[in-house]
Amino acid sequence: MLIIEDEPMVAMFIEEALELAGASSFDIAATEADAVAFAAKHRPEVITSDVRLVEGTGPRAVKQIHDQLGDIPVIFITGTPFECDEQNMSPVLMKPVTLNAVMEAFEKVAPEGDGCSN
């Protein structure tokens, strides 16, 4: 799992929700560059991403990761959902988000039969 989020408390909340949904082994990136580097080092099974980051954007990081590693399911969790690409087929959750909303989105995109140990 790769959580792209520059607010530490939000990242911890997302991690907790994903753990409750059965995910384990997390990388948390606060910048676009860190997200790409973490993904290259440890290919995630699922990505959650904010849109605006302190350095760069989540959608640009996701695009770079997809270009390098192929398709990986993404859940955008953001206060600016209108900045997500309209062609994007990924779930988009509006902040503030609930544990249940994150868990449900994860269950929809997680690879079948995979505990998402990445």
C-alpha atoms as a PDB file:
ATOM      1  CA  MET A   1       0.000   0.000   0.000  1.00  0.00           C
ATOM      2  CA  LEU A   2       1.138   3.487  -0.841  1.00  0.00           C
ATOM      3  CA  ILE A   3      -0.529   6.425   0.888  1.00  0.00           C
ATOM      4  CA  ILE A   4       0.231   9.739  -0.807  1.00  0.00           C
ATOM      5  CA  GLU A   5      -0.776  12.355   1.769  1.00  0.00           C
ATOM      6  CA  ASP A   6       1.076  15.361   3.165  1.00  0.00           C
ATOM      7  CA  GLU A   7      -1.006  15.755   6.346  1.00  0.00           C
ATOM      8  CA  PRO A   8       0.375  13.266   8.924  1.00  0.00           C
ATOM      9  CA  MET A   9      -2.880  12.903  10.891  1.00  0.00           C
ATOM     10  CA  VAL A  10      -4.869  12.237   7.702  1.00  0.00           C
ATOM     11  CA  ALA A  11      -2.267   9.697   6.552  1.00  0.00           C
ATOM     12  CA  MET A  12      -2.531   7.882   9.906  1.00  0.00           C
ATOM     13  CA  PHE A  13      -6.339   7.888   9.656  1.00  0.00           C
ATOM     14  CA  ILE A  14      -6.198   6.404   6.140  1.00  0.00           C
ATOM     15  CA  GLU A  15      -3.671   3.791   7.277  1.00  0.00           C
ATOM     16  CA  GLU A  16      -5.988   2.794  10.154  1.00  0.00           C
ATOM     17  CA  ALA A  17      -8.974   2.445   7.798  1.00  0.00           C
ATOM     18  CA  LEU A  18      -6.956   0.335   5.369  1.00  0.00           C
ATOM     19  CA  GLU A  19      -5.677  -1.896   8.173  1.00  0.00           C
ATOM     20  CA  LEU A  20      -9.266  -2.470   9.280  1.00  0.00           C
ATOM     21  CA  ALA A  21     -10.070  -3.452   5.688  1.00  0.00           C
ATOM     22  CA  GLY A  22      -7.258  -6.025   5.704  1.00  0.00           C
ATOM     23  CA  ALA A  23      -4.307  -4.179   4.175  1.00  0.00           C
ATOM     24  CA  SER A  24      -0.825  -4.280   5.652  1.00  0.00           C
ATOM     25  CA  SER A  25       2.666  -2.966   4.922  1.00  0.00           C
ATOM     26  CA  PHE A  26       2.402   0.747   4.186  1.00  0.00           C
ATOM     27  CA  ASP A  27       4.602   3.416   2.659  1.00  0.00           C
ATOM     28  CA  ILE A  28       3.507   6.998   3.312  1.00  0.00           C
ATOM     29  CA  ALA A  29       4.723   9.727   0.963  1.00  0.00           C
ATOM     30  CA  ALA A  30       4.202  13.454   1.571  1.00  0.00           C
ATOM     31  CA  THR A  31       5.571  14.606  -1.796  1.00  0.00           C
ATOM     32  CA  GLU A  32       5.215  13.658  -5.447  1.00  0.00           C
ATOM     33  CA  ALA A  33       8.897  12.674  -5.660  1.00  0.00           C
ATOM     34  CA  ASP A  34       8.734  10.512  -2.529  1.00  0.00           C
ATOM     35  CA  ALA A  35       5.632   8.727  -3.841  1.00  0.00           C
ATOM     36  CA  VAL A  36       7.363   7.804  -7.099  1.00  0.00           C
ATOM     37  CA  ALA A  37      10.509   6.691  -5.241  1.00  0.00           C
ATOM     38  CA  PHE A  38       8.570   4.526  -2.745  1.00  0.00           C
ATOM     39  CA  ALA A  39       6.585   2.881  -5.550  1.00  0.00           C
ATOM     40  CA  ALA A  40       9.748   2.106  -7.538  1.00  0.00           C
ATOM     41  CA  LYS A  41      11.314   0.518  -4.461  1.00  0.00           C
ATOM     42  CA  HIS A  42       8.221  -1.411  -3.320  1.00  0.00           C
ATOM     43  CA  ARG A  43       5.435  -1.847  -5.895  1.00  0.00           C
ATOM     44  CA  PRO A  44       2.117  -1.143  -4.156  1.00  0.00           C
ATOM     45  CA  GLU A  45      -1.001  -3.229  -4.741  1.00  0.00           C
ATOM     46  CA  VAL A  46      -3.218  -0.166  -4.132  1.00  0.00           C
ATOM     47  CA  ILE A  47      -2.517   3.572  -3.911  1.00  0.00           C
ATOM     48  CA  THR A  48      -4.467   6.208  -2.005  1.00  0.00           C
ATOM     49  CA  SER A  49      -3.674   9.746  -3.021  1.00  0.00           C
ATOM     50  CA  ASP A  50      -4.482  13.306  -2.099  1.00  0.00           C
ATOM     51  CA  VAL A  51      -4.527  15.753  -5.004  1.00  0.00           C
ATOM     52  CA  ARG A  52      -2.621  18.749  -3.642  1.00  0.00           C
ATOM     53  CA  LEU A  53       0.648  18.039  -1.877  1.00  0.00           C
ATOM     54  CA  VAL A  54       3.174  20.317  -0.224  1.00  0.00           C
ATOM     55  CA  GLU A  55       5.483  19.484  -3.175  1.00  0.00           C
ATOM     56  CA  GLY A  56       3.821  18.377  -6.415  1.00  0.00           C
ATOM     57  CA  THR A  57       0.487  16.654  -6.890  1.00  0.00           C
ATOM     58  CA  GLY A  58      -0.902  13.207  -6.281  1.00  0.00           C
ATOM     59  CA  PRO A  59      -2.297  12.760  -9.801  1.00  0.00           C
ATOM     60  CA  ARG A  60       1.125  13.516 -11.339  1.00  0.00           C
ATOM     61  CA  ALA A  61       2.758  11.030  -8.967  1.00  0.00           C
ATOM     62  CA  VAL A  62       0.147   8.401  -9.865  1.00  0.00           C
ATOM     63  CA  LYS A  63       0.707   9.011 -13.587  1.00  0.00           C
ATOM     64  CA  GLN A  64       4.476   8.572 -13.193  1.00  0.00           C
ATOM     65  CA  ILE A  65       3.957   5.403 -11.145  1.00  0.00           C
ATOM     66  CA  HIS A  66       1.560   3.996 -13.754  1.00  0.00           C
ATOM     67  CA  ASP A  67       4.000   4.882 -16.552  1.00  0.00           C
ATOM     68  CA  GLN A  68       6.796   3.021 -14.747  1.00  0.00           C
ATOM     69  CA  LEU A  69       4.940   0.088 -13.178  1.00  0.00           C
ATOM     70  CA  GLY A  70       1.703  -0.341 -15.098  1.00  0.00           C
ATOM     71  CA  ASP A  71      -1.828  -0.074 -13.815  1.00  0.00           C
ATOM     72  CA  ILE A  72      -2.257  -0.030 -10.039  1.00  0.00           C
ATOM     73  CA  PRO A  73      -5.672   0.674  -8.448  1.00  0.00           C
ATOM     74  CA  VAL A  74      -5.979   4.177  -6.972  1.00  0.00           C
ATOM     75  CA  ILE A  75      -8.363   5.803  -4.514  1.00  0.00           C
ATOM     76  CA  PHE A  76      -8.206   9.599  -4.457  1.00  0.00           C
ATOM     77  CA  ILE A  77      -8.975  11.089  -1.033  1.00  0.00           C
ATOM     78  CA  THR A  78      -9.044  14.854  -1.349  1.00  0.00           C
ATOM     79  CA  GLY A  79     -10.583  18.142  -0.384  1.00  0.00           C
ATOM     80  CA  THR A  80     -10.431  19.151  -4.056  1.00  0.00           C
ATOM     81  CA  PRO A  81     -12.248  16.385  -5.971  1.00  0.00           C
ATOM     82  CA  PHE A  82     -12.957  18.761  -8.869  1.00  0.00           C
ATOM     83  CA  GLU A  83      -9.220  18.664  -9.627  1.00  0.00           C
ATOM     84  CA  CYS A  84      -9.353  14.962 -10.445  1.00  0.00           C
ATOM     85  CA  ASP A  85      -9.384  14.080 -14.138  1.00  0.00           C
ATOM     86  CA  GLU A  86     -12.944  13.557 -15.367  1.00  0.00           C
ATOM     87  CA  GLN A  87     -11.742  10.536 -17.390  1.00  0.00           C
ATOM     88  CA  ASN A  88     -10.343   8.960 -14.231  1.00  0.00           C
ATOM     89  CA  MET A  89     -12.169   5.759 -13.280  1.00  0.00           C
ATOM     90  CA  SER A  90     -10.702   5.675  -9.745  1.00  0.00           C
ATOM     91  CA  PRO A  91     -12.929   6.242  -6.731  1.00  0.00           C
ATOM     92  CA  VAL A  92     -12.756   9.829  -5.455  1.00  0.00           C
ATOM     93  CA  LEU A  93     -13.577  10.401  -1.780  1.00  0.00           C
ATOM     94  CA  MET A  94     -14.187  13.909  -0.457  1.00  0.00           C
ATOM     95  CA  LYS A  95     -12.446  14.997   2.746  1.00  0.00           C
ATOM     96  CA  PRO A  96     -13.407  14.812   5.512  1.00  0.00           C
ATOM     97  CA  VAL A  97     -13.761  11.105   4.881  1.00  0.00           C
ATOM     98  CA  THR A  98     -15.055   8.324   7.122  1.00  0.00           C
ATOM     99  CA  LEU A  99     -13.370   5.042   8.027  1.00  0.00           C
ATOM    100  CA  ASN A 100     -16.220   3.167   6.359  1.00  0.00           C
ATOM    101  CA  ALA A 101     -15.887   5.115   3.102  1.00  0.00           C
ATOM    102  CA  VAL A 102     -12.156   4.343   2.875  1.00  0.00           C
ATOM    103  CA  MET A 103     -12.724   0.685   3.754  1.00  0.00           C
ATOM    104  CA  GLU A 104     -15.507   0.313   1.161  1.00  0.00           C
ATOM    105  CA  ALA A 105     -13.444   1.973  -1.577  1.00  0.00           C
ATOM    106  CA  PHE A 106     -10.476  -0.265  -0.758  1.00  0.00           C
ATOM    107  CA  GLU A 107     -12.615  -3.398  -0.903  1.00  0.00           C
ATOM    108  CA  LYS A 108     -13.854  -2.353  -4.369  1.00  0.00           C
ATOM    109  CA  VAL A 109     -10.403  -1.772  -5.870  1.00  0.00           C
ATOM    110  CA  ALA A 110      -8.187  -4.296  -4.039  1.00  0.00           C
ATOM    111  CA  PRO A 111      -7.048  -7.211  -6.189  1.00  0.00           C
ATOM    112  CA  GLU A 112      -9.237 -10.309  -5.680  1.00  0.00           C
ATOM    113  CA  GLY A 113      -8.030 -12.696  -3.009  1.00  0.00           C
ATOM    114  CA  ASP A 114      -5.174 -10.419  -2.043  1.00  0.00           C
ATOM    115  CA  GLY A 115      -4.624  -9.287   1.517  1.00  0.00           C
ATOM    116  CA  CYS A 116      -2.611  -6.453  -0.021  1.00  0.00           C
ATOM    117  CA  SER A 117       0.561  -7.132   1.858  1.00  0.00           C
ATOM    118  CA  ASN A 118       2.310  -4.345  -0.070  1.00  0.00           C
END
